Amino acid sequence: MPHELRAILGAPPDLIAKVAPLMAVMIILIICGMGWLIWRNRKLRHERRHYTPKKPRKKRGN
């Protein structure tokens, strides 16, 4: 187990209680940011696509 994780788990409960709201806000911001990027990327990719009408193929003169 990394020493950082061990330090977090071994922290006093009052310190964890003080930092918990900040950690929750950070996690929510990260999730919202990733969702926004995914939504924006999908929307931009969809708008960039040019739908050309299907042209009939030219018939070869035999």
Protein backbone atom coordinates (compact mmCIF):
# COMPACT_ATOMS: atom_id res chain seq x y z
CA MET A 1 0.00 0.00 0.00
CA PRO A 2 1.46 3.42 -0.92
CA HIS A 3 2.43 5.63 1.98
CA GLU A 4 0.08 8.41 0.79
CA LEU A 5 -2.93 6.13 1.03
CA ARG A 6 -1.77 4.88 4.43
CA ALA A 7 -1.44 8.50 5.60
CA ILE A 8 -4.98 9.30 4.43
CA LEU A 9 -6.42 6.24 6.15
CA GLY A 10 -4.46 6.98 9.31
CA ALA A 11 -5.55 10.63 9.48
CA PRO A 12 -7.51 11.80 12.51
CA PRO A 13 -11.32 11.70 12.00
CA ASP A 14 -11.78 15.45 12.59
CA LEU A 15 -9.33 16.24 9.77
CA ILE A 16 -11.14 13.83 7.43
CA ALA A 17 -14.46 15.49 8.36
CA LYS A 18 -13.03 18.92 7.49
CA VAL A 19 -11.64 17.81 4.11
CA ALA A 20 -14.58 15.57 3.05
CA PRO A 21 -16.77 18.38 1.58
CA LEU A 22 -13.82 19.70 -0.45
CA MET A 23 -13.06 16.22 -1.79
CA ALA A 24 -16.74 15.69 -2.69
CA VAL A 25 -16.84 19.01 -4.58
CA MET A 26 -13.63 18.13 -6.43
CA ILE A 27 -15.00 14.72 -7.48
CA ILE A 28 -18.29 16.29 -8.65
CA LEU A 29 -16.39 18.92 -10.67
CA ILE A 30 -14.21 16.27 -12.31
CA ILE A 31 -17.25 14.17 -13.26
CA CYS A 32 -19.14 17.21 -14.61
CA GLY A 33 -16.08 18.35 -16.58
CA MET A 34 -15.60 14.95 -18.17
CA GLY A 35 -19.31 14.76 -19.05
CA TRP A 36 -19.19 18.22 -20.61
CA LEU A 37 -16.13 17.32 -22.69
CA ILE A 38 -17.74 14.09 -23.90
CA TRP A 39 -20.99 15.90 -24.79
CA ARG A 40 -19.11 18.72 -26.57
CA ASN A 41 -16.95 16.28 -28.51
CA ARG A 42 -19.99 14.29 -29.66
CA LYS A 43 -21.87 17.43 -30.70
CA LEU A 44 -18.94 18.91 -32.61
CA ARG A 45 -18.20 15.65 -34.37
CA HIS A 46 -21.85 15.34 -35.41
CA GLU A 47 -21.97 18.92 -36.77
CA ARG A 48 -18.68 18.54 -38.66
CA ARG A 49 -19.98 15.65 -40.73
CA HIS A 50 -21.22 16.77 -44.13
CA TYR A 51 -24.14 14.76 -45.37
CA THR A 52 -24.00 14.98 -49.14
CA PRO A 53 -27.01 13.76 -51.08
CA LYS A 54 -26.36 10.42 -52.68
CA LYS A 55 -25.66 10.99 -56.37
CA PRO A 56 -26.70 8.36 -58.89
CA ARG A 57 -23.74 6.57 -60.42
CA LYS A 58 -22.95 7.33 -64.00
CA LYS A 59 -23.74 4.43 -66.26
CA ARG A 60 -20.88 3.30 -68.45
CA GLY A 61 -21.60 3.45 -72.16
CA ASN A 62 -21.16 -0.06 -73.48
